[in-house]
């Protein structure tokens, strides 16, 4: 379990960094480095109408979500309930990432490399937690 906790913590910190950079770019007037083509254009995704929910930048939700996962990673080896809460938070984050990806694919038809990297991070966190669940929690093994 400690390996899973450490991996989730490292990925959560990486997620906070990526989301913080995305928030920084969201608030900049200049163009970003990842405006490669019409297909890969961070400005269209990160500064467009879908980049905020109720005037709150989506990147800020990412920072908060990854911070919650980081805190959960520090607690999840203590009691089963902390693991469960961390897993639920990761599932919510992954579902939100799927929603955002569907906007990129079906509505905007363009991709943000920074956003995709954040989506990859939450996917790996979910995979780690699912693996841990299958190996330990469901099998009734000690943490």
N, C-alpha and C. Protein backbone atom coordinates (compact mmCIF):
# COMPACT_ATOMS: atom_id res chain seq x y z
N UNK A 1 0.82 -1.19 0.00
CA UNK A 1 0.00 0.00 0.00
C UNK A 1 0.86 1.25 0.00
N UNK A 2 1.99 1.20 0.67
CA UNK A 2 2.83 2.40 0.73
C UNK A 2 3.34 2.77 -0.65
N UNK A 3 3.62 1.78 -1.49
CA UNK A 3 4.06 2.07 -2.86
C UNK A 3 2.96 2.80 -3.62
N UNK A 4 1.73 2.33 -3.47
CA UNK A 4 0.60 2.97 -4.13
C UNK A 4 0.43 4.40 -3.62
N UNK A 5 0.56 4.59 -2.32
CA UNK A 5 0.43 5.92 -1.73
C UNK A 5 1.48 6.87 -2.29
N UNK A 6 2.71 6.39 -2.37
CA UNK A 6 3.80 7.23 -2.87
C UNK A 6 3.59 7.57 -4.34
N UNK A 7 3.19 6.58 -5.13
CA UNK A 7 2.95 6.82 -6.55
C UNK A 7 1.81 7.82 -6.76
N UNK A 8 0.74 7.65 -6.01
CA UNK A 8 -0.39 8.58 -6.14
C UNK A 8 0.03 9.98 -5.70
N UNK A 9 0.82 10.07 -4.64
CA UNK A 9 1.29 11.38 -4.17
C UNK A 9 2.15 12.06 -5.24
N UNK A 10 3.09 11.33 -5.82
CA UNK A 10 3.95 11.89 -6.87
C UNK A 10 3.12 12.36 -8.06
N UNK A 11 2.16 11.53 -8.47
CA UNK A 11 1.31 11.90 -9.61
C UNK A 11 0.40 13.08 -9.26
N UNK A 12 -0.08 13.13 -8.02
CA UNK A 12 -0.93 14.26 -7.61
C UNK A 12 -0.13 15.56 -7.63
N UNK A 13 1.11 15.52 -7.18
CA UNK A 13 1.97 16.71 -7.24
C UNK A 13 2.20 17.10 -8.70
N UNK A 14 2.47 16.13 -9.55
CA UNK A 14 2.62 16.41 -10.98
C UNK A 14 1.34 17.03 -11.54
N UNK A 15 0.19 16.51 -11.14
CA UNK A 15 -1.10 17.06 -11.58
C UNK A 15 -1.30 18.50 -11.13
N UNK A 16 -0.90 18.81 -9.91
CA UNK A 16 -0.99 20.20 -9.41
C UNK A 16 -0.10 21.11 -10.26
N UNK A 17 1.09 20.63 -10.58
CA UNK A 17 2.02 21.43 -11.40
C UNK A 17 1.43 21.67 -12.79
N UNK A 18 0.94 20.62 -13.42
CA UNK A 18 0.35 20.76 -14.76
C UNK A 18 -0.86 21.69 -14.73
N UNK A 19 -1.74 21.49 -13.76
CA UNK A 19 -2.94 22.33 -13.66
C UNK A 19 -2.59 23.77 -13.33
N UNK A 20 -1.58 23.97 -12.52
CA UNK A 20 -1.15 25.34 -12.19
C UNK A 20 -0.60 26.04 -13.43
N UNK A 21 0.17 25.31 -14.22
CA UNK A 21 0.69 25.88 -15.47
C UNK A 21 -0.46 26.18 -16.43
N UNK A 22 -1.43 25.30 -16.48
CA UNK A 22 -2.59 25.52 -17.33
C UNK A 22 -3.36 26.77 -16.88
N UNK A 23 -3.50 26.95 -15.57
CA UNK A 23 -4.17 28.14 -15.04
C UNK A 23 -3.37 29.40 -15.39
N UNK A 24 -2.06 29.32 -15.26
CA UNK A 24 -1.19 30.44 -15.63
C UNK A 24 -1.41 30.82 -17.09
N UNK A 25 -1.40 29.82 -17.98
CA UNK A 25 -1.59 30.08 -19.40
C UNK A 25 -3.00 30.59 -19.70
N UNK A 26 -3.97 30.10 -18.95
CA UNK A 26 -5.36 30.55 -19.12
C UNK A 26 -5.47 32.07 -18.91
N UNK A 27 -4.69 32.58 -17.98
CA UNK A 27 -4.75 34.00 -17.63
C UNK A 27 -3.80 34.88 -18.43
N UNK A 28 -3.01 34.29 -19.33
CA UNK A 28 -2.08 35.06 -20.15
C UNK A 28 -2.75 35.56 -21.42
N UNK A 29 -2.32 36.72 -21.87
CA UNK A 29 -2.84 37.27 -23.12
C UNK A 29 -2.10 36.73 -24.34
N UNK A 30 -0.89 36.28 -24.12
CA UNK A 30 -0.09 35.82 -25.25
C UNK A 30 -0.40 34.37 -25.60
N UNK A 31 0.06 33.96 -26.76
CA UNK A 31 -0.15 32.62 -27.25
C UNK A 31 0.79 31.64 -26.52
N UNK A 32 0.42 30.39 -26.45
CA UNK A 32 1.23 29.40 -25.74
C UNK A 32 2.09 28.60 -26.71
N UNK A 33 3.05 27.88 -26.13
CA UNK A 33 3.99 27.09 -26.93
C UNK A 33 3.32 25.92 -27.64
N UNK A 34 2.20 25.50 -27.17
CA UNK A 34 1.60 24.29 -27.76
C UNK A 34 0.53 24.57 -28.79
N UNK A 35 0.60 25.74 -29.38
CA UNK A 35 -0.28 26.04 -30.51
C UNK A 35 0.45 25.58 -31.78
N UNK A 36 0.35 24.29 -32.04
CA UNK A 36 1.10 23.66 -33.12
C UNK A 36 0.35 23.73 -34.44
N UNK A 37 -0.95 23.48 -34.37
CA UNK A 37 -1.76 23.44 -35.58
C UNK A 37 -3.22 23.64 -35.18
N UNK A 38 -4.11 23.50 -36.14
CA UNK A 38 -5.54 23.58 -35.84
C UNK A 38 -5.98 22.40 -34.98
N UNK A 39 -5.27 21.28 -35.09
CA UNK A 39 -5.62 20.09 -34.32
C UNK A 39 -5.07 20.14 -32.90
N UNK A 40 -3.89 20.72 -32.72
CA UNK A 40 -3.26 20.84 -31.40
C UNK A 40 -3.07 22.32 -31.10
N UNK A 41 -4.03 22.88 -30.35
CA UNK A 41 -4.00 24.30 -30.06
C UNK A 41 -4.52 24.52 -28.64
N UNK A 42 -3.60 24.80 -27.73
CA UNK A 42 -3.98 24.96 -26.33
C UNK A 42 -4.86 26.19 -26.10
N UNK A 43 -4.63 27.24 -26.87
CA UNK A 43 -5.43 28.46 -26.66
C UNK A 43 -6.91 28.23 -26.93
N UNK A 44 -7.22 27.48 -27.97
CA UNK A 44 -8.62 27.20 -28.28
C UNK A 44 -9.28 26.46 -27.13
N UNK A 45 -8.55 25.51 -26.55
CA UNK A 45 -9.11 24.70 -25.46
C UNK A 45 -9.05 25.46 -24.13
N UNK A 46 -7.91 26.03 -23.81
CA UNK A 46 -7.66 26.59 -22.49
C UNK A 46 -8.16 28.02 -22.30
N UNK A 47 -8.54 28.68 -23.39
CA UNK A 47 -9.02 30.05 -23.26
C UNK A 47 -10.41 30.22 -23.87
N UNK A 48 -10.99 29.14 -24.36
CA UNK A 48 -12.29 29.20 -25.00
C UNK A 48 -13.43 29.17 -24.00
N UNK A 49 -14.63 29.09 -24.53
CA UNK A 49 -15.82 29.15 -23.68
C UNK A 49 -15.96 27.95 -22.76
N UNK A 50 -15.32 26.83 -23.09
CA UNK A 50 -15.42 25.64 -22.25
C UNK A 50 -14.30 25.57 -21.20
N UNK A 51 -13.46 26.60 -21.13
CA UNK A 51 -12.34 26.59 -20.20
C UNK A 51 -12.73 27.08 -18.80
N UNK A 52 -13.98 27.48 -18.64
CA UNK A 52 -14.47 27.93 -17.33
C UNK A 52 -15.85 27.34 -17.06
N UNK A 53 -16.11 27.11 -15.80
CA UNK A 53 -17.43 26.69 -15.34
C UNK A 53 -17.84 27.68 -14.27
N UNK A 54 -18.92 28.40 -14.51
CA UNK A 54 -19.40 29.44 -13.59
C UNK A 54 -18.29 30.46 -13.31
N UNK A 55 -17.60 30.86 -14.36
CA UNK A 55 -16.49 31.83 -14.30
C UNK A 55 -15.29 31.35 -13.49
N UNK A 56 -15.21 30.07 -13.22
CA UNK A 56 -14.06 29.48 -12.52
C UNK A 56 -13.29 28.66 -13.55
N UNK A 57 -12.00 28.97 -13.74
CA UNK A 57 -11.22 28.20 -14.71
C UNK A 57 -11.18 26.71 -14.37
N UNK A 58 -11.33 25.89 -15.39
CA UNK A 58 -11.29 24.44 -15.20
C UNK A 58 -9.97 24.02 -14.57
N UNK A 59 -8.89 24.72 -14.92
CA UNK A 59 -7.58 24.39 -14.35
C UNK A 59 -7.57 24.52 -12.83
N UNK A 60 -8.33 25.45 -12.28
CA UNK A 60 -8.41 25.59 -10.83
C UNK A 60 -9.07 24.36 -10.20
N UNK A 61 -10.09 23.83 -10.88
CA UNK A 61 -10.69 22.57 -10.40
C UNK A 61 -9.64 21.46 -10.39
N UNK A 62 -8.77 21.46 -11.40
CA UNK A 62 -7.69 20.47 -11.45
C UNK A 62 -6.74 20.60 -10.28
N UNK A 63 -6.34 21.83 -9.97
CA UNK A 63 -5.44 22.06 -8.84
C UNK A 63 -6.06 21.54 -7.55
N UNK A 64 -7.30 21.89 -7.33
CA UNK A 64 -8.01 21.46 -6.11
C UNK A 64 -8.15 19.94 -6.08
N UNK A 65 -8.55 19.37 -7.20
CA UNK A 65 -8.73 17.92 -7.27
C UNK A 65 -7.45 17.15 -7.01
N UNK A 66 -6.37 17.58 -7.63
CA UNK A 66 -5.10 16.90 -7.41
C UNK A 66 -4.59 17.10 -5.98
N UNK A 67 -4.86 18.27 -5.40
CA UNK A 67 -4.48 18.49 -3.99
C UNK A 67 -5.25 17.53 -3.08
N UNK A 68 -6.53 17.35 -3.35
CA UNK A 68 -7.33 16.40 -2.57
C UNK A 68 -6.76 14.99 -2.71
N UNK A 69 -6.38 14.61 -3.93
CA UNK A 69 -5.80 13.28 -4.14
C UNK A 69 -4.45 13.14 -3.42
N UNK A 70 -3.68 14.22 -3.40
CA UNK A 70 -2.41 14.19 -2.68
C UNK A 70 -2.61 13.97 -1.20
N UNK A 71 -3.58 14.68 -0.63
CA UNK A 71 -3.89 14.51 0.80
C UNK A 71 -4.42 13.09 1.03
N UNK A 72 -5.29 12.63 0.14
CA UNK A 72 -5.81 11.26 0.27
C UNK A 72 -4.71 10.22 0.21
N UNK A 73 -3.70 10.46 -0.63
CA UNK A 73 -2.61 9.50 -0.74
C UNK A 73 -1.82 9.38 0.56
N UNK A 74 -1.77 10.47 1.30
CA UNK A 74 -1.07 10.45 2.59
C UNK A 74 -1.86 9.71 3.67
N UNK A 75 -3.17 9.62 3.49
CA UNK A 75 -4.03 9.02 4.51
C UNK A 75 -4.52 7.62 4.15
N UNK A 76 -4.46 7.25 2.87
CA UNK A 76 -5.15 6.04 2.43
C UNK A 76 -4.58 4.75 2.98
N UNK A 77 -3.36 4.76 3.48
CA UNK A 77 -2.81 3.54 4.06
C UNK A 77 -3.18 3.37 5.54
N UNK A 78 -3.81 4.39 6.12
CA UNK A 78 -4.17 4.33 7.54
C UNK A 78 -5.45 3.54 7.79
N UNK A 79 -6.48 3.83 7.00
CA UNK A 79 -7.76 3.14 7.17
C UNK A 79 -8.38 2.94 5.80
N UNK A 80 -9.18 1.90 5.72
CA UNK A 80 -9.84 1.57 4.46
C UNK A 80 -10.72 2.71 3.95
N UNK A 81 -11.35 3.44 4.86
CA UNK A 81 -12.24 4.53 4.46
C UNK A 81 -11.47 5.62 3.71
N UNK A 82 -10.22 5.88 4.11
CA UNK A 82 -9.43 6.90 3.42
C UNK A 82 -9.08 6.44 2.01
N UNK A 83 -8.81 5.16 1.87
CA UNK A 83 -8.57 4.64 0.52
C UNK A 83 -9.84 4.81 -0.31
N UNK A 84 -10.98 4.45 0.26
CA UNK A 84 -12.24 4.55 -0.48
C UNK A 84 -12.54 5.99 -0.89
N UNK A 85 -12.33 6.94 0.01
CA UNK A 85 -12.57 8.35 -0.31
C UNK A 85 -11.62 8.85 -1.39
N UNK A 86 -10.37 8.41 -1.31
CA UNK A 86 -9.39 8.78 -2.34
C UNK A 86 -9.78 8.19 -3.68
N UNK A 87 -10.23 6.96 -3.68
CA UNK A 87 -10.66 6.31 -4.92
C UNK A 87 -11.88 7.00 -5.51
N UNK A 88 -12.81 7.41 -4.66
CA UNK A 88 -14.00 8.13 -5.13
C UNK A 88 -13.59 9.47 -5.73
N UNK A 89 -12.68 10.18 -5.07
CA UNK A 89 -12.19 11.46 -5.60
C UNK A 89 -11.51 11.26 -6.95
N UNK A 90 -10.72 10.19 -7.07
CA UNK A 90 -10.06 9.90 -8.34
C UNK A 90 -11.07 9.57 -9.43
N UNK A 91 -12.11 8.82 -9.08
CA UNK A 91 -13.15 8.48 -10.05
C UNK A 91 -13.89 9.73 -10.53
N UNK A 92 -14.16 10.65 -9.61
CA UNK A 92 -14.80 11.91 -9.99
C UNK A 92 -13.88 12.70 -10.91
N UNK A 93 -12.61 12.78 -10.55
CA UNK A 93 -11.65 13.49 -11.38
C UNK A 93 -11.52 12.87 -12.77
N UNK A 94 -11.50 11.55 -12.82
CA UNK A 94 -11.40 10.86 -14.11
C UNK A 94 -12.65 11.09 -14.96
N UNK A 95 -13.80 11.06 -14.33
CA UNK A 95 -15.05 11.32 -15.05
C UNK A 95 -15.07 12.75 -15.61
N UNK A 96 -14.61 13.69 -14.80
CA UNK A 96 -14.52 15.09 -15.25
C UNK A 96 -13.54 15.20 -16.42
N UNK A 97 -12.41 14.49 -16.33
CA UNK A 97 -11.43 14.49 -17.42
C UNK A 97 -12.03 13.90 -18.70
N UNK A 98 -12.82 12.85 -18.56
CA UNK A 98 -13.50 12.28 -19.74
C UNK A 98 -14.46 13.29 -20.36
N UNK A 99 -15.17 14.01 -19.53
CA UNK A 99 -16.08 15.05 -20.00
C UNK A 99 -15.30 16.11 -20.79
N UNK A 100 -14.19 16.57 -20.22
CA UNK A 100 -13.39 17.59 -20.89
C UNK A 100 -12.80 17.07 -22.20
N UNK A 101 -12.36 15.81 -22.18
CA UNK A 101 -11.82 15.21 -23.40
C UNK A 101 -12.90 15.10 -24.47
N UNK A 102 -14.11 14.77 -24.07
CA UNK A 102 -15.20 14.67 -25.04
C UNK A 102 -15.49 16.04 -25.68
N UNK A 103 -15.32 17.11 -24.92
CA UNK A 103 -15.48 18.45 -25.49
C UNK A 103 -14.38 18.71 -26.52
N UNK A 104 -13.16 18.32 -26.18
CA UNK A 104 -12.05 18.49 -27.13
C UNK A 104 -12.31 17.71 -28.42
N UNK A 105 -12.74 16.47 -28.27
CA UNK A 105 -12.91 15.58 -29.43
C UNK A 105 -14.13 15.95 -30.27
N UNK A 106 -15.27 16.09 -29.63
CA UNK A 106 -16.52 16.20 -30.38
C UNK A 106 -16.99 17.64 -30.64
N UNK A 107 -16.63 18.57 -29.77
CA UNK A 107 -17.11 19.94 -29.92
C UNK A 107 -16.04 20.84 -30.54
N UNK A 108 -14.88 20.90 -29.90
CA UNK A 108 -13.83 21.79 -30.37
C UNK A 108 -13.03 21.20 -31.53
N UNK A 109 -12.95 19.87 -31.56
CA UNK A 109 -12.17 19.16 -32.58
C UNK A 109 -10.72 19.64 -32.61
N UNK A 110 -10.21 19.95 -31.44
CA UNK A 110 -8.80 20.32 -31.25
C UNK A 110 -8.38 19.88 -29.86
N UNK A 111 -7.07 19.73 -29.66
CA UNK A 111 -6.55 19.17 -28.41
C UNK A 111 -5.52 20.09 -27.78
N UNK A 112 -5.49 20.08 -26.48
CA UNK A 112 -4.50 20.83 -25.71
C UNK A 112 -3.53 19.81 -25.12
N UNK A 113 -2.25 19.94 -25.46
CA UNK A 113 -1.25 18.99 -24.96
C UNK A 113 -1.13 19.03 -23.45
N UNK A 114 -1.29 20.19 -22.87
CA UNK A 114 -1.23 20.33 -21.41
C UNK A 114 -2.43 19.61 -20.78
N UNK A 115 -3.59 19.81 -21.36
CA UNK A 115 -4.79 19.15 -20.85
C UNK A 115 -4.69 17.63 -20.99
N UNK A 116 -4.19 17.18 -22.13
CA UNK A 116 -4.03 15.74 -22.34
C UNK A 116 -3.05 15.14 -21.34
N UNK A 117 -2.01 15.88 -20.99
CA UNK A 117 -1.07 15.36 -20.00
C UNK A 117 -1.74 15.25 -18.63
N UNK A 118 -2.58 16.20 -18.28
CA UNK A 118 -3.32 16.11 -17.02
C UNK A 118 -4.28 14.93 -17.04
N UNK A 119 -4.92 14.72 -18.17
CA UNK A 119 -5.84 13.59 -18.30
C UNK A 119 -5.11 12.26 -18.19
N UNK A 120 -3.89 12.21 -18.70
CA UNK A 120 -3.08 10.99 -18.57
C UNK A 120 -2.71 10.75 -17.11
N UNK A 121 -2.40 11.80 -16.38
CA UNK A 121 -2.05 11.67 -14.96
C UNK A 121 -3.22 11.10 -14.16
N UNK A 122 -4.42 11.63 -14.36
CA UNK A 122 -5.57 11.12 -13.59
C UNK A 122 -5.88 9.68 -14.00
N UNK A 123 -5.68 9.34 -15.26
CA UNK A 123 -5.88 7.96 -15.70
C UNK A 123 -4.92 7.02 -14.98
N UNK A 124 -3.66 7.39 -14.88
CA UNK A 124 -2.68 6.53 -14.21
C UNK A 124 -3.01 6.41 -12.72
N UNK A 125 -3.46 7.48 -12.10
CA UNK A 125 -3.87 7.42 -10.68
C UNK A 125 -5.01 6.41 -10.51
N UNK A 126 -5.99 6.48 -11.37
CA UNK A 126 -7.13 5.54 -11.30
C UNK A 126 -6.65 4.10 -11.49
N UNK A 127 -5.76 3.88 -12.42
CA UNK A 127 -5.23 2.53 -12.66
C UNK A 127 -4.50 2.02 -11.43
N UNK A 128 -3.68 2.86 -10.81
CA UNK A 128 -2.96 2.46 -9.59
C UNK A 128 -3.95 2.09 -8.49
N UNK A 129 -4.97 2.91 -8.30
CA UNK A 129 -5.95 2.64 -7.24
C UNK A 129 -6.77 1.38 -7.53
N UNK A 130 -7.11 1.17 -8.79
CA UNK A 130 -7.83 -0.07 -9.15
C UNK A 130 -6.95 -1.29 -8.92
N UNK A 131 -5.69 -1.20 -9.27
CA UNK A 131 -4.76 -2.30 -9.06
C UNK A 131 -4.64 -2.60 -7.56
N UNK A 132 -4.47 -1.55 -6.77
CA UNK A 132 -4.37 -1.74 -5.33
C UNK A 132 -5.65 -2.36 -4.77
N UNK A 133 -6.78 -1.87 -5.22
CA UNK A 133 -8.06 -2.41 -4.76
C UNK A 133 -8.15 -3.90 -5.05
N UNK A 134 -7.82 -4.28 -6.26
CA UNK A 134 -7.91 -5.70 -6.65
C UNK A 134 -6.93 -6.56 -5.87
N UNK A 135 -5.73 -6.05 -5.63
CA UNK A 135 -4.69 -6.83 -4.94
C UNK A 135 -4.91 -6.93 -3.44
N UNK A 136 -5.42 -5.87 -2.83
CA UNK A 136 -5.45 -5.81 -1.38
C UNK A 136 -6.86 -5.74 -0.80
N UNK A 137 -7.60 -4.76 -1.14
CA UNK A 137 -8.90 -4.52 -0.49
C UNK A 137 -9.86 -5.67 -0.80
N UNK A 138 -10.07 -5.94 -2.08
CA UNK A 138 -11.02 -6.99 -2.46
C UNK A 138 -10.56 -8.36 -1.99
N UNK A 139 -9.26 -8.58 -2.00
CA UNK A 139 -8.73 -9.89 -1.59
C UNK A 139 -8.68 -10.03 -0.06
N UNK A 140 -8.93 -8.95 0.65
CA UNK A 140 -8.93 -9.01 2.11
C UNK A 140 -7.53 -9.05 2.70
N UNK A 141 -6.53 -8.67 1.93
CA UNK A 141 -5.16 -8.65 2.43
C UNK A 141 -4.92 -7.41 3.26
N UNK A 142 -3.97 -7.46 4.16
CA UNK A 142 -3.67 -6.26 4.95
C UNK A 142 -3.04 -5.20 4.06
N UNK A 143 -3.25 -3.95 4.46
CA UNK A 143 -2.69 -2.81 3.70
C UNK A 143 -1.20 -2.84 3.76
